[in-house]
Amino acid sequence: MDKVNELKEKGNQALNAEKFDEAVAAYTEAIALDGQNHVLFSNRSAAYAKAGKFQEALEDAEKTIQLNPTWPKGYSRKGVAAAGLHDYMKAFNAYNEGLKYDPQNAILLQGRTEITNSALSFMQAHGDIPMDIDPQQTRSSRAPSPPPSKPAEPPKPAEPRVEDMTEEQKKKYFAKKEKELGNAAYKKKEFETALAHYNAAIEHDPTDITFYNNIAAVHFERKEYEECIKQCEKGIEVGRESRADFKLIAKSFARIGNTYRKLENYKQAKVYYEKAMSEHRTPEIKTSLSEVEAKIKEEERMAYINPEKAEEEKEQGNHFFKKGDYSTAVKHYTEAIKRNPDDPKLYSNRAACYTKLAAFDLGLKDCDTCIKLDEKFIKGYIRKGKILQGMQQQSKAQAAYQKALELDPNNAEAVEGYRQCSMNFQRNPQEVLKNAMSDPEIQQILKDPAMRMILEQMQNDPNAVKEHLQNPAIADKIMKLLESGIIQIH
């Protein structure tokens, strides 16, 4: 998941820098790792739209909506893409659909207004074309006209007359202008210029949380994390006083969380992500929260590791094992494993306890773990062999002892275990059959219709076994039946 977020951030930076192809490539790589992340499709849709690839943008927008039908941004992406394709009715419907989920969404409201203006402008330029008819088809029936080189721009509203404004309106007007200049500088990574404009915006209107959030974003990019947090906190204070949109306050909390995450202070990051979630729940913040919770859990696990404490717990486990108190021994071995999870001997010791308690499945799991940690740990194979003997799985037990003997041909326990398994194969046929049939793997082989046909053929024609042994899968099953004593080849 860290790789997905890294690629998403890379795409975001490329998009802000207007490197659209780079942004698309980063988002595409992230989607390959997490194909159910609607935010990635939304971001790629934006990159495609900026690059003028509106058909691709539309497809990604529709995928975004499919993955998260209640997320308003998916509909705004669809509206932009459809407008780029001159499908104004589709764009208009997309904005309307999004407004069902968030009726006050400024982007959707603005998009719906702009698409209406764009449609009117297009109709004036190309004739009276209804919005629900494909403009390309309509033009084909009229005199041919060259396609526009780029999407029709909505008419810009006339600039307001400053001299007609009240003092309060003037402050907000000039603050907005400074913010726009700051945003332009930020996209170019001209951070000093951006800061100057954002601070100028605050001088005009100190009650807008957005300006503080933007300043915090600059400090975050410059890795000035303490100043970033300070600006976010100031923004939250101002936002509370001015009753700002809870989404903007959530954004400030989330940015503080991101900052603490960069500082690898995951517990503080968790606190602020939770605060952000309490203001406004978004998939991005939820994902970030889950990731830092996983980091905290891993940190706590690593902090708990102490080989010295593990050794003390192991000695306690040995003590109770010798006394025959296997349940208490298990508790101490379990604590030892928590303190030193990479020591194969601890799993082997606990497996011995489970064997005494007839908890064979748990013991077998511990044997497999200690063998995975150290493939040359003989004791793990011997323990496994003993447990499998207890489970009446003689062929598997013999294979485990065989592994131990490959590591040490003179190991007495392995030799004895292997000998006992061999003796079991030589007992009377009824007992052999009974033991073999208790093995689930043997049962599965014998239930296989294809294997039954092969066994019948081998019974009628002993030479047929040579042909079947050429197939590795069949050969493996035949060898298991041979080891269990179910069949014999003379």
Protein backbone atom coordinates (compact mmCIF):
# COMPACT_ATOMS: atom_id res chain seq x y z
CA MET A 1 0.00 0.00 0.00
CA ASP A 2 2.93 2.33 0.67
CA LYS A 3 4.00 1.82 -2.96
CA VAL A 4 0.50 2.75 -4.19
CA ASN A 5 0.52 5.98 -2.16
CA GLU A 6 4.03 6.77 -3.35
CA LEU A 7 2.95 6.40 -6.98
CA LYS A 8 -0.21 8.42 -6.36
CA GLU A 9 1.83 11.25 -4.82
CA LYS A 10 4.24 11.08 -7.78
CA GLY A 11 1.28 11.38 -10.14
CA ASN A 12 -0.15 14.31 -8.17
CA GLN A 13 3.16 16.18 -8.34
CA ALA A 14 3.44 15.57 -12.09
CA LEU A 15 -0.16 16.74 -12.59
CA ASN A 16 0.50 19.94 -10.61
CA ALA A 17 3.60 20.53 -12.73
CA GLU A 18 1.48 20.00 -15.88
CA LYS A 19 3.49 16.92 -16.85
CA PHE A 20 0.39 15.04 -17.86
CA ASP A 21 1.99 12.00 -19.49
CA GLU A 22 4.13 11.42 -16.40
CA ALA A 23 1.05 11.74 -14.21
CA VAL A 24 -0.88 9.21 -16.30
CA ALA A 25 2.06 6.77 -16.17
CA ALA A 26 2.31 7.02 -12.36
CA TYR A 27 -1.44 6.58 -11.83
CA THR A 28 -1.50 3.64 -14.27
CA GLU A 29 1.29 1.91 -12.35
CA ALA A 30 -0.59 2.48 -9.08
CA ILE A 31 -3.82 1.11 -10.58
CA ALA A 32 -1.96 -2.05 -11.57
CA LEU A 33 -1.24 -2.58 -7.86
CA ASP A 34 -4.67 -1.51 -6.57
CA GLY A 35 -7.36 -1.84 -9.23
CA GLN A 36 -10.22 -1.08 -6.81
CA ASN A 37 -8.98 2.36 -5.72
CA HIS A 38 -11.48 4.86 -7.14
CA VAL A 39 -9.25 7.84 -6.29
CA LEU A 40 -6.54 6.58 -8.65
CA PHE A 41 -9.00 6.36 -11.57
CA SER A 42 -10.32 9.83 -10.69
CA ASN A 43 -6.81 11.30 -10.68
CA ARG A 44 -5.92 9.63 -13.97
CA SER A 45 -9.15 10.95 -15.47
CA ALA A 46 -8.06 14.46 -14.48
CA ALA A 47 -4.63 13.92 -16.07
CA TYR A 48 -6.17 12.62 -19.31
CA ALA A 49 -8.55 15.59 -19.43
CA LYS A 50 -5.70 18.06 -18.92
CA ALA A 51 -3.85 16.35 -21.77
CA GLY A 52 -6.91 16.68 -24.03
CA LYS A 53 -7.55 12.91 -24.09
CA PHE A 54 -11.20 13.21 -23.22
CA GLN A 55 -12.32 9.72 -24.26
CA GLU A 56 -9.81 8.14 -21.89
CA ALA A 57 -10.79 10.67 -19.23
CA LEU A 58 -14.46 9.68 -19.64
CA GLU A 59 -13.69 5.97 -19.31
CA ASP A 60 -11.74 6.54 -16.09
CA ALA A 61 -14.47 8.80 -14.72
CA GLU A 62 -17.09 6.11 -15.34
CA LYS A 63 -14.83 3.55 -13.64
CA THR A 64 -14.53 5.91 -10.67
CA ILE A 65 -18.33 6.13 -10.40
CA GLN A 66 -18.65 2.36 -10.75
CA LEU A 67 -16.24 1.83 -7.82
CA ASN A 68 -17.77 4.56 -5.61
CA PRO A 69 -21.22 5.69 -6.87
CA THR A 70 -21.75 8.16 -4.00
CA TRP A 71 -18.49 10.10 -4.45
CA PRO A 72 -19.30 13.52 -6.02
CA LYS A 73 -15.87 14.01 -7.58
CA GLY A 74 -16.42 11.06 -9.92
CA TYR A 75 -19.37 12.91 -11.48
CA SER A 76 -17.41 16.16 -11.83
CA ARG A 77 -14.66 14.19 -13.64
CA LYS A 78 -17.29 12.71 -15.95
CA GLY A 79 -18.75 16.16 -16.60
CA VAL A 80 -15.37 17.61 -17.61
CA ALA A 81 -14.58 14.65 -19.89
CA ALA A 82 -18.01 14.68 -21.56
CA ALA A 83 -17.75 18.45 -22.09
CA GLY A 84 -14.39 17.94 -23.78
CA LEU A 85 -16.10 15.54 -26.18
CA HIS A 86 -18.90 18.11 -26.77
CA ASP A 87 -21.43 15.69 -25.31
CA TYR A 88 -23.13 18.43 -23.34
CA MET A 89 -26.18 16.45 -22.32
CA LYS A 90 -24.01 13.72 -20.82
CA ALA A 91 -21.97 16.34 -19.00
CA PHE A 92 -25.08 18.12 -17.75
CA ASN A 93 -26.57 14.83 -16.51
CA ALA A 94 -23.29 13.91 -14.80
CA TYR A 95 -23.25 17.16 -12.81
CA ASN A 96 -26.91 16.71 -11.88
CA GLU A 97 -26.33 13.13 -10.77
CA GLY A 98 -23.43 14.20 -8.55
CA LEU A 99 -25.54 16.93 -6.96
CA LYS A 100 -27.97 14.26 -5.75
CA TYR A 101 -25.25 13.11 -3.38
CA ASP A 102 -23.90 16.56 -2.46
CA PRO A 103 -26.42 19.29 -3.36
CA GLN A 104 -24.13 22.12 -2.18
CA ASN A 105 -20.98 20.92 -3.97
CA ALA A 106 -19.44 24.08 -5.42
CA ILE A 107 -17.52 22.28 -8.19
CA LEU A 108 -20.61 20.46 -9.43
CA LEU A 109 -22.74 23.60 -9.29
CA GLN A 110 -20.12 25.59 -11.16
CA GLY A 111 -19.67 22.77 -13.68
CA ARG A 112 -23.39 22.66 -14.41
CA THR A 113 -23.45 26.42 -14.98
CA GLU A 114 -20.38 26.35 -17.19
CA ILE A 115 -21.64 23.45 -19.30
CA THR A 116 -24.84 25.36 -19.99
CA ASN A 117 -22.81 28.36 -21.14
CA SER A 118 -20.51 26.14 -23.21
CA ALA A 119 -23.46 24.49 -24.93
CA LEU A 120 -24.96 27.88 -25.80
CA SER A 121 -21.64 29.12 -27.16
CA PHE A 122 -21.21 25.97 -29.22
CA MET A 123 -24.70 26.24 -30.66
CA GLN A 124 -24.13 29.87 -31.58
CA ALA A 125 -20.90 28.95 -33.34
CA HIS A 126 -22.22 25.84 -35.16
CA GLY A 127 -25.91 26.39 -35.54
CA ASP A 128 -28.88 25.39 -33.41
CA ILE A 129 -27.78 21.92 -32.23
CA PRO A 130 -29.86 20.22 -29.51
CA MET A 131 -27.77 19.04 -26.55
CA ASP A 132 -28.96 15.45 -26.83
CA ILE A 133 -27.71 14.99 -30.43
CA ASP A 134 -24.15 14.07 -31.28
CA PRO A 135 -22.65 17.26 -32.77
CA GLN A 136 -20.51 15.21 -35.18
CA GLN A 137 -23.60 13.50 -36.65
CA THR A 138 -25.49 16.79 -36.92
CA ARG A 139 -22.69 18.57 -38.73
CA SER A 140 -22.49 15.77 -41.28
CA SER A 141 -25.94 16.70 -42.58
CA ARG A 142 -25.03 20.38 -42.87
CA ALA A 143 -22.34 22.16 -44.77
CA PRO A 144 -18.98 20.76 -43.61
CA SER A 145 -17.14 22.82 -41.07
CA PRO A 146 -13.73 22.16 -39.57
CA PRO A 147 -13.72 20.68 -36.06
CA PRO A 148 -12.62 23.03 -33.29
CA SER A 149 -8.94 22.71 -32.41
CA LYS A 150 -9.77 22.56 -28.72
CA PRO A 151 -12.86 22.38 -26.48
CA ALA A 152 -14.99 25.46 -26.44
CA GLU A 153 -14.13 27.65 -23.48
CA PRO A 154 -17.09 28.92 -21.45
CA PRO A 155 -17.43 32.69 -21.65
CA LYS A 156 -15.62 34.39 -18.83
CA PRO A 157 -17.80 36.51 -16.57
CA ALA A 158 -17.15 40.21 -16.73
CA GLU A 159 -14.70 41.48 -14.12
CA PRO A 160 -16.54 43.19 -11.28
CA ARG A 161 -16.02 46.92 -10.86
CA VAL A 162 -13.90 47.47 -7.76
CA GLU A 163 -15.21 51.00 -7.34
CA ASP A 164 -18.74 49.58 -6.92
CA MET A 165 -17.71 47.21 -4.10
CA THR A 166 -18.11 47.66 -0.38
CA GLU A 167 -14.96 47.60 1.74
CA GLU A 168 -15.65 44.02 2.78
CA GLN A 169 -16.15 42.93 -0.82
CA LYS A 170 -12.90 44.64 -1.84
CA LYS A 171 -10.96 42.75 0.82
CA LYS A 172 -12.32 39.40 -0.33
CA TYR A 173 -11.82 40.30 -3.99
CA PHE A 174 -8.15 41.23 -3.57
CA ALA A 175 -7.58 38.25 -1.25
CA LYS A 176 -8.92 35.93 -3.93
CA LYS A 177 -6.67 37.49 -6.56
CA GLU A 178 -3.62 36.99 -4.35
CA LYS A 179 -4.60 33.36 -3.72
CA GLU A 180 -4.90 32.71 -7.46
CA LEU A 181 -1.43 34.17 -8.02
CA GLY A 182 -0.14 32.03 -5.15
CA ASN A 183 -1.68 28.89 -6.65
CA ALA A 184 -0.06 29.60 -10.00
CA ALA A 185 3.35 30.02 -8.35
CA TYR A 186 2.83 26.88 -6.24
CA LYS A 187 2.17 24.78 -9.35
CA LYS A 188 5.47 26.00 -10.76
CA LYS A 189 7.18 25.18 -7.43
CA GLU A 190 8.02 28.86 -6.97
CA PHE A 191 7.38 28.54 -3.26
CA GLU A 192 8.75 31.90 -2.09
CA THR A 193 6.50 33.71 -4.54
CA ALA A 194 3.55 31.54 -3.52
CA LEU A 195 4.10 32.33 0.16
CA ALA A 196 4.25 36.05 -0.56
CA HIS A 197 0.88 35.93 -2.35
CA TYR A 198 -0.79 33.73 0.27
CA ASN A 199 0.40 36.04 3.07
CA ALA A 200 -0.87 39.01 1.10
CA ALA A 201 -4.22 37.25 0.82
CA ILE A 202 -4.34 36.88 4.61
CA GLU A 203 -3.62 40.61 5.01
CA HIS A 204 -6.72 41.32 2.94
CA ASP A 205 -8.89 38.63 4.54
CA PRO A 206 -7.52 36.92 7.69
CA THR A 207 -10.74 34.92 8.19
CA ASP A 208 -10.34 32.43 5.31
CA ILE A 209 -8.95 29.04 6.37
CA THR A 210 -7.97 28.25 2.76
CA PHE A 211 -5.05 30.69 2.82
CA TYR A 212 -3.56 29.04 5.91
CA ASN A 213 -4.02 25.61 4.37
CA ASN A 214 -2.21 26.79 1.24
CA ILE A 215 0.69 28.21 3.25
CA ALA A 216 0.89 24.91 5.14
CA ALA A 217 1.05 23.06 1.80
CA VAL A 218 4.08 25.15 0.79
CA HIS A 219 5.88 24.38 4.05
CA PHE A 220 5.05 20.70 3.63
CA GLU A 221 6.60 20.68 0.15
CA ARG A 222 9.70 22.40 1.56
CA LYS A 223 9.89 19.82 4.37
CA GLU A 224 9.42 22.59 6.95
CA TYR A 225 7.19 20.33 8.98
CA GLU A 226 6.99 22.29 12.23
CA GLU A 227 5.89 25.41 10.37
CA CYS A 228 3.41 23.33 8.36
CA ILE A 229 1.77 22.08 11.57
CA LYS A 230 1.74 25.59 13.02
CA GLN A 231 -0.06 27.00 9.96
CA CYS A 232 -2.61 24.17 9.96
CA GLU A 233 -3.38 24.78 13.64
CA LYS A 234 -3.79 28.48 12.97
CA GLY A 235 -6.06 27.68 10.05
CA ILE A 236 -8.22 25.39 12.20
CA GLU A 237 -8.52 28.14 14.82
CA VAL A 238 -9.54 30.69 12.19
CA GLY A 239 -11.87 28.18 10.52
CA ARG A 240 -13.67 27.45 13.78
CA GLU A 241 -14.16 31.18 14.45
CA SER A 242 -15.47 31.87 10.95
CA ARG A 243 -17.54 28.64 10.81
CA ALA A 244 -15.65 27.36 7.78
CA ASP A 245 -16.78 24.30 5.83
CA PHE A 246 -16.01 21.18 7.88
CA LYS A 247 -14.27 19.71 4.81
CA LEU A 248 -11.65 22.48 4.95
CA ILE A 249 -11.08 21.85 8.66
CA ALA A 250 -10.76 18.13 7.94
CA LYS A 251 -8.16 18.98 5.29
CA SER A 252 -6.09 20.86 7.88
CA PHE A 253 -6.23 17.95 10.32
CA ALA A 254 -5.31 15.50 7.57
CA ARG A 255 -2.32 17.61 6.55
CA ILE A 256 -1.08 17.61 10.15
CA GLY A 257 -1.49 13.84 10.08
CA ASN A 258 0.52 13.65 6.85
CA THR A 259 3.23 15.80 8.41
CA TYR A 260 3.57 13.62 11.50
CA ARG A 261 3.63 10.61 9.21
CA LYS A 262 6.57 12.12 7.33
CA LEU A 263 8.26 12.60 10.70
CA GLU A 264 7.52 8.89 11.42
CA ASN A 265 5.53 9.89 14.50
CA TYR A 266 2.74 7.48 13.66
CA LYS A 267 0.83 7.78 16.93
CA GLN A 268 0.42 11.54 16.48
CA ALA A 269 -0.46 11.00 12.83
CA LYS A 270 -3.21 8.60 13.94
CA VAL A 271 -4.61 11.21 16.35
CA TYR A 272 -4.94 13.81 13.61
CA TYR A 273 -6.30 11.43 10.98
CA GLU A 274 -9.00 10.49 13.48
CA LYS A 275 -9.76 14.18 14.05
CA ALA A 276 -10.01 14.65 10.28
CA MET A 277 -12.38 11.68 10.03
CA SER A 278 -14.58 13.18 12.74
CA GLU A 279 -14.94 16.33 10.60
CA HIS A 280 -15.35 14.68 7.19
CA ARG A 281 -14.83 11.04 6.22
CA THR A 282 -13.02 10.46 2.93
CA PRO A 283 -11.52 7.27 1.46
CA GLU A 284 -8.08 8.91 1.33
CA ILE A 285 -8.02 9.75 5.03
CA LYS A 286 -9.44 6.35 5.94
CA THR A 287 -6.66 4.65 3.95
CA SER A 288 -4.00 6.82 5.60
CA LEU A 289 -5.42 6.01 9.04
CA SER A 290 -5.34 2.27 8.34
CA GLU A 291 -1.74 2.51 7.14
CA VAL A 292 -0.46 4.35 10.21
CA GLU A 293 -2.34 1.95 12.49
CA ALA A 294 -0.46 -0.89 10.79
CA LYS A 295 2.80 1.02 11.32
CA ILE A 296 2.00 1.53 15.01
CA LYS A 297 1.22 -2.16 15.44
CA GLU A 298 4.49 -3.13 13.80
CA GLU A 299 6.42 -0.62 15.94
CA GLU A 300 4.84 -2.06 19.09
CA ARG A 301 5.69 -5.58 17.97
CA MET A 302 9.29 -4.61 17.28
CA ALA A 303 9.56 -2.71 20.58
CA TYR A 304 8.38 -5.81 22.44
CA ILE A 305 11.17 -7.96 21.02
CA ASN A 306 13.79 -8.72 23.67
CA PRO A 307 15.96 -11.84 23.23
CA GLU A 308 17.03 -11.77 26.89
CA LYS A 309 13.42 -11.81 28.09
CA ALA A 310 12.70 -14.52 25.54
CA GLU A 311 15.45 -16.68 27.03
CA GLU A 312 14.01 -16.20 30.52
CA GLU A 313 10.56 -17.24 29.31
CA LYS A 314 12.02 -20.25 27.50
CA GLU A 315 13.72 -21.41 30.73
CA GLN A 316 10.39 -21.09 32.52
CA GLY A 317 8.75 -23.11 29.78
CA ASN A 318 11.42 -25.81 30.08
CA HIS A 319 10.88 -25.91 33.83
CA PHE A 320 7.15 -26.53 33.55
CA PHE A 321 7.63 -28.99 30.67
CA LYS A 322 9.86 -31.15 32.90
CA LYS A 323 7.21 -31.01 35.63
CA GLY A 324 4.59 -32.22 33.14
CA ASP A 325 2.62 -28.96 33.32
CA TYR A 326 2.38 -28.59 29.55
CA SER A 327 -0.35 -25.94 29.49
CA THR A 328 1.72 -23.56 31.60
CA ALA A 329 4.79 -24.39 29.52
CA VAL A 330 2.88 -23.39 26.37
CA LYS A 331 2.12 -19.95 27.90
CA HIS A 332 5.80 -19.31 28.61
CA TYR A 333 6.94 -20.52 25.19
CA THR A 334 4.28 -18.29 23.57
CA GLU A 335 5.57 -15.27 25.48
CA ALA A 336 9.12 -16.20 24.48
CA ILE A 337 8.04 -16.28 20.82
CA LYS A 338 6.56 -12.78 21.12
CA ARG A 339 9.86 -11.60 22.57
CA ASN A 340 11.94 -13.28 19.85
CA PRO A 341 9.77 -14.42 16.92
CA ASP A 342 12.72 -15.47 14.73
CA ASP A 343 14.10 -18.20 17.02
CA PRO A 344 13.10 -21.61 15.58
CA LYS A 345 13.89 -23.45 18.85
CA LEU A 346 11.00 -21.71 20.59
CA TYR A 347 8.46 -23.01 18.07
CA SER A 348 10.00 -26.49 18.34
CA ASN A 349 9.65 -26.44 22.14
CA ARG A 350 6.05 -25.31 21.96
CA ALA A 351 5.36 -28.00 19.34
CA ALA A 352 6.62 -30.58 21.87
CA CYS A 353 4.07 -29.27 24.40
CA TYR A 354 1.27 -29.42 21.84
CA THR A 355 2.25 -33.01 21.06
CA LYS A 356 1.92 -33.93 24.75
CA LEU A 357 -1.46 -32.19 24.84
CA ALA A 358 -2.53 -34.05 21.64
CA ALA A 359 -3.06 -30.67 19.92
CA PHE A 360 -1.46 -32.09 16.79
CA ASP A 361 -2.67 -29.42 14.35
CA LEU A 362 -1.12 -26.61 16.44
CA GLY A 363 2.07 -28.59 16.91
CA LEU A 364 2.34 -29.26 13.19
CA LYS A 365 1.92 -25.55 12.46
CA ASP A 366 4.77 -24.71 14.86
CA CYS A 367 7.00 -27.33 13.23
CA ASP A 368 6.38 -25.85 9.80
CA THR A 369 7.21 -22.38 11.16
CA CYS A 370 10.50 -23.40 12.73
CA ILE A 371 11.50 -25.27 9.54
CA LYS A 372 10.64 -22.17 7.51
CA LEU A 373 12.86 -20.08 9.79
CA ASP A 374 15.73 -22.57 9.55
CA GLU A 375 15.61 -25.26 6.88
CA LYS A 376 18.59 -27.02 8.54
CA PHE A 377 16.97 -27.24 11.97
CA ILE A 378 16.87 -31.03 12.44
CA LYS A 379 14.72 -30.91 15.57
CA GLY A 380 11.91 -29.31 13.57
CA TYR A 381 11.73 -32.28 11.19
CA ILE A 382 11.90 -34.80 14.06
CA ARG A 383 9.09 -33.03 15.95
CA LYS A 384 7.05 -32.99 12.76
CA GLY A 385 7.65 -36.71 12.27
CA LYS A 386 6.47 -37.51 15.81
CA ILE A 387 3.31 -35.45 15.40
CA LEU A 388 2.48 -37.04 12.06
CA GLN A 389 2.98 -40.46 13.65
CA GLY A 390 0.52 -39.45 16.32
CA MET A 391 -1.90 -38.45 13.56
CA GLN A 392 -1.44 -41.90 11.94
CA GLN A 393 0.03 -40.33 8.81
CA GLN A 394 2.95 -42.72 8.51
CA SER A 395 4.06 -41.85 4.97
CA LYS A 396 4.29 -38.14 5.81
CA ALA A 397 6.06 -38.89 9.09
CA GLN A 398 8.59 -41.04 7.25
CA ALA A 399 9.19 -38.16 4.77
CA ALA A 400 9.87 -35.79 7.70
CA TYR A 401 12.37 -38.22 9.25
CA GLN A 402 13.96 -38.64 5.83
CA LYS A 403 14.56 -34.87 5.71
CA ALA A 404 16.22 -35.02 9.12
CA LEU A 405 18.45 -37.91 8.01
CA GLU A 406 19.53 -35.95 4.93
CA LEU A 407 20.88 -33.32 7.33
CA ASP A 408 22.39 -35.83 9.80
CA PRO A 409 22.40 -39.52 8.74
CA ASN A 410 23.47 -40.58 12.24
CA ASN A 411 20.78 -38.77 14.23
CA ALA A 412 19.41 -41.43 16.59
CA GLU A 413 15.88 -39.97 16.90
CA ALA A 414 15.51 -39.66 13.14
CA VAL A 415 16.82 -43.19 12.57
CA GLU A 416 14.42 -44.63 15.16
CA GLY A 417 11.46 -42.67 13.82
CA TYR A 418 12.16 -43.76 10.26
CA ARG A 419 12.51 -47.40 11.43
CA GLN A 420 9.14 -47.27 13.25
CA CYS A 421 7.43 -45.91 10.14
CA SER A 422 8.98 -48.66 8.03
CA MET A 423 7.81 -51.30 10.49
CA ASN A 424 4.29 -49.94 10.30
CA PHE A 425 4.31 -50.52 6.55
CA GLN A 426 5.20 -54.18 7.16
CA ARG A 427 2.29 -54.94 9.52
CA ASN A 428 -0.68 -57.00 8.42
CA PRO A 429 -2.50 -55.62 5.36
CA GLN A 430 -5.73 -54.82 7.20
CA GLU A 431 -3.94 -52.56 9.70
CA VAL A 432 -1.94 -50.90 6.92
CA LEU A 433 -5.15 -50.23 4.98
CA LYS A 434 -6.89 -48.87 8.07
CA ASN A 435 -4.05 -46.44 8.85
CA ALA A 436 -3.70 -45.36 5.24
CA MET A 437 -7.42 -44.71 4.82
CA SER A 438 -7.37 -42.31 7.78
CA ASP A 439 -5.03 -40.07 5.76
CA PRO A 440 -7.15 -37.35 4.00
CA GLU A 441 -4.63 -37.09 1.17
CA ILE A 442 -4.85 -40.84 0.47
CA GLN A 443 -8.64 -40.63 0.57
CA GLN A 444 -8.61 -37.83 -1.99
CA ILE A 445 -6.36 -39.81 -4.35
CA LEU A 446 -8.58 -42.88 -4.16
CA LYS A 447 -11.72 -40.79 -4.82
CA ASP A 448 -10.23 -39.43 -8.04
CA PRO A 449 -11.99 -41.27 -10.96
CA ALA A 450 -8.94 -40.88 -13.20
CA MET A 451 -6.66 -42.45 -10.57
CA ARG A 452 -9.08 -45.34 -10.09
CA MET A 453 -8.93 -46.08 -13.82
CA ILE A 454 -5.12 -45.92 -13.74
CA LEU A 455 -4.98 -48.31 -10.75
CA GLU A 456 -7.28 -50.78 -12.55
CA GLN A 457 -5.09 -50.59 -15.63
CA MET A 458 -1.97 -51.21 -13.55
CA GLN A 459 -3.63 -54.22 -11.94
CA ASN A 460 -4.40 -55.74 -15.34
CA ASP A 461 -1.13 -54.68 -16.94
CA PRO A 462 1.78 -54.25 -14.47
CA ASN A 463 3.94 -52.76 -17.24
CA ALA A 464 1.52 -49.81 -17.51
CA VAL A 465 3.06 -48.31 -14.37
CA LYS A 466 6.16 -47.28 -16.35
CA GLU A 467 4.07 -45.20 -18.71
CA HIS A 468 2.14 -43.47 -15.93
CA LEU A 469 5.30 -42.67 -13.98
CA GLN A 470 6.31 -40.39 -16.86
CA ASN A 471 3.58 -37.95 -15.71
CA PRO A 472 4.96 -36.10 -12.60
CA ALA A 473 1.52 -35.46 -11.09
CA ILE A 474 0.42 -39.10 -11.43
CA ALA A 475 3.84 -40.36 -10.35
CA ASP A 476 3.57 -38.33 -7.13
CA LYS A 477 0.18 -39.86 -6.31
CA ILE A 478 1.38 -43.41 -7.09
CA MET A 479 4.41 -42.91 -4.80
CA LYS A 480 2.12 -41.77 -1.97
CA LEU A 481 -0.01 -44.89 -2.40
CA LEU A 482 3.16 -47.01 -2.40
CA GLU A 483 4.46 -45.33 0.77
CA SER A 484 1.12 -45.85 2.54
CA GLY A 485 1.10 -49.57 1.63
CA ILE A 486 -2.15 -49.29 -0.35
CA ILE A 487 -0.47 -50.68 -3.48
CA GLN A 488 2.65 -52.72 -4.07
CA ILE A 489 4.69 -53.19 -7.23
CA HIS A 490 6.54 -56.49 -7.59
